[in-house]
Protein backbone atom coordinates (compact mmCIF):
# COMPACT_ATOMS: atom_id res chain seq x y z
CA MET A 1 14.19 -10.19 7.00
CA THR A 2 13.89 -6.66 7.54
CA ALA A 3 10.32 -5.70 9.55
CA LYS A 4 8.16 -2.96 8.39
CA LEU A 5 5.94 -0.39 10.03
CA VAL A 6 4.02 2.34 9.22
CA VAL A 7 3.54 5.76 11.19
CA GLY A 8 0.39 7.96 10.59
CA LEU A 9 1.30 11.69 11.26
CA ASP A 10 -1.47 14.05 11.43
CA GLY A 11 1.07 17.22 10.89
CA HIS A 12 0.69 17.71 15.02
CA SER A 13 1.85 17.13 18.15
CA SER A 14 0.35 13.62 18.50
CA GLY A 15 1.83 12.13 15.19
CA GLU A 16 5.33 13.52 16.79
CA ARG A 17 3.93 10.77 19.47
CA ALA A 18 3.76 8.11 16.86
CA LEU A 19 7.24 9.00 15.60
CA ASP A 20 8.82 9.06 18.20
CA TYR A 21 7.97 5.66 19.52
CA ALA A 22 8.31 4.31 16.20
CA GLN A 23 11.78 5.46 16.10
CA LYS A 24 12.49 3.84 19.69
CA LEU A 25 10.66 0.36 18.30
CA ALA A 26 12.58 0.68 15.01
CA GLY A 27 15.79 0.43 17.73
CA GLN A 28 14.67 -2.39 19.25
CA ILE A 29 14.03 -4.38 15.88
CA GLY A 30 17.22 -3.51 14.37
CA ALA A 31 16.01 -4.90 11.31
CA CYS A 32 13.64 -2.18 9.91
CA GLU A 33 12.23 0.63 8.07
CA LEU A 34 9.88 2.96 9.06
CA LEU A 35 7.06 3.53 6.28
CA VAL A 36 6.02 7.38 7.58
CA VAL A 37 2.27 8.19 6.08
CA TYR A 38 0.34 11.05 5.90
CA ILE A 39 -3.16 10.86 4.72
CA ILE A 40 -5.17 13.42 3.48
CA GLU A 41 -8.59 13.29 4.11
CA TRP A 42 -10.44 13.15 0.63
CA SER A 43 -13.75 11.67 -0.58
CA PRO A 44 -14.30 10.99 -3.98
CA TYR A 45 -17.62 10.82 -4.39
CA ALA A 46 -19.20 14.36 -5.24
CA PHE A 47 -20.96 15.23 -8.04
CA GLN A 48 -18.40 17.47 -10.16
CA THR A 49 -18.70 19.30 -13.54
CA PRO A 50 -15.36 18.58 -15.70
CA GLU A 51 -13.70 22.31 -14.87
CA GLU A 52 -14.31 21.55 -11.04
CA ASN A 53 -12.77 18.11 -12.00
CA GLU A 54 -9.37 19.75 -13.60
CA GLN A 55 -9.01 22.02 -10.32
CA ARG A 56 -10.03 19.55 -8.22
CA HIS A 57 -7.05 17.58 -9.36
CA LYS A 58 -4.42 20.31 -9.58
CA ARG A 59 -5.05 21.31 -5.55
CA ARG A 60 -4.73 17.36 -4.93
CA GLU A 61 -1.33 17.53 -6.17
CA LYS A 62 -0.82 20.84 -4.34
CA GLU A 63 -1.89 19.48 -1.23
CA ILE A 64 0.70 16.32 -1.79
CA ALA A 65 3.12 18.94 -2.18
CA SER A 66 2.74 20.87 1.35
CA ALA A 67 2.05 17.55 3.19
CA ASN A 68 5.57 16.21 1.29
CA GLU A 69 7.27 19.46 2.36
CA ARG A 70 5.65 20.89 6.09
CA ILE A 71 5.45 16.50 7.23
CA ILE A 72 7.24 13.66 5.53
CA ALA A 73 10.02 15.27 4.87
CA PRO A 74 11.16 16.54 7.92
CA ALA A 75 9.60 13.59 9.66
CA VAL A 76 11.78 11.15 7.15
CA GLU A 77 15.17 14.02 7.27
CA ARG A 78 15.30 13.01 11.52
CA LEU A 79 14.92 9.51 10.97
CA THR A 80 17.52 9.41 8.51
CA LYS A 81 19.78 11.33 10.73
CA ASP A 82 19.39 8.86 13.34
CA GLY A 83 20.75 6.10 11.32
CA LEU A 84 16.67 3.99 10.19
CA SER A 85 15.97 2.98 7.03
CA VAL A 86 12.17 5.50 6.52
CA ARG A 87 10.10 5.94 3.13
CA GLY A 88 7.28 8.56 2.84
CA ILE A 89 4.33 8.30 1.56
CA VAL A 90 1.24 10.69 1.49
CA ARG A 91 -1.98 9.48 0.33
CA HIS A 92 -5.59 11.14 -0.27
CA GLY A 93 -9.07 9.52 1.20
CA ASN A 94 -10.08 7.67 4.78
CA VAL A 95 -7.58 8.02 7.49
CA ALA A 96 -8.47 4.39 8.37
CA ASP A 97 -8.52 3.19 5.10
CA ALA A 98 -5.95 4.15 3.44
CA LEU A 99 -3.26 4.18 6.35
CA ASN A 100 -4.84 0.05 6.32
CA GLU A 101 -4.28 -0.37 2.52
CA VAL A 102 -0.50 1.17 3.16
CA ALA A 103 0.47 -1.80 5.17
CA LEU A 104 -1.29 -4.26 3.67
CA LYS A 105 0.49 -3.54 0.58
CA GLU A 106 3.57 -3.08 1.88
CA ASN A 107 3.46 -6.50 3.51
CA ALA A 108 3.55 -4.03 7.30
CA GLU A 109 3.73 -6.12 10.52
CA GLN A 110 1.88 -2.84 12.70
CA ILE A 111 0.81 0.27 12.50
CA ILE A 112 1.38 3.26 14.63
CA VAL A 113 -0.79 6.26 15.17
CA ALA A 114 -1.73 8.77 18.64
CA ARG A 115 -4.60 9.13 20.06
CA ALA A 116 -5.09 12.82 19.07
CA SER A 117 -4.96 15.00 22.61
CA GLU A 118 -7.94 17.72 21.89
CA ARG A 119 -11.72 15.84 19.96
CA SER A 120 -14.26 17.60 19.04
CA LEU A 121 -17.97 16.75 19.30
CA SER A 122 -18.24 14.98 16.66
CA GLN A 123 -14.95 12.70 17.21
CA ARG A 124 -16.55 11.78 20.63
CA ILE A 125 -20.25 11.07 19.53
CA PHE A 126 -19.42 9.12 16.20
CA GLY A 127 -15.62 8.06 17.03
CA SER A 128 -12.13 8.93 15.29
CA SER A 129 -10.17 7.85 12.53
CA THR A 130 -8.07 5.80 15.36
CA ALA A 131 -11.06 3.67 16.50
CA ASN A 132 -11.78 3.22 13.12
CA LEU A 133 -8.71 2.58 11.81
CA VAL A 134 -8.26 -0.15 15.42
CA MET A 135 -11.94 -1.46 14.30
CA GLU A 136 -11.06 -1.97 10.85
CA ALA A 137 -7.06 -2.51 10.58
CA SER A 138 -5.81 -6.17 8.88
CA VAL A 139 -2.69 -5.43 11.08
CA PRO A 140 -1.32 -4.75 14.15
CA VAL A 141 -2.26 -1.22 15.56
CA THR A 142 -0.86 0.22 17.99
CA VAL A 143 -1.58 3.66 19.42
CA VAL A 144 0.51 6.28 21.39
CA GLY A 145 -1.66 8.10 24.46
């Protein structure tokens, strides 16, 4: 049976730390598939005209293509070159909710994310996506420092 690990990337060096840890862990596990995931923050709760909705759909498609090109493809290529089984996934939504949904849908054993090195004032006051994920996830979460 192949283990599945969800690796949440953020497009910054913190995501690279999560990827490094996941690669090391996958090497120790052996039969393992890494699901490299990037979530584009997006809320469906906006009231818009039909014209704005059409523009929003086009913008979402461009954001997905950009995230695949800039973040997911390089990570998948790097891990594949090292002989690992990897799939890339890009989604829109709340980061914590979407990572948990991917983990549940894929029957993943755990989610690996990194703590952001630079936190804004609002994150210190209201919490971060990582903190929300740890509190709400349906599978174990490993937070890399």
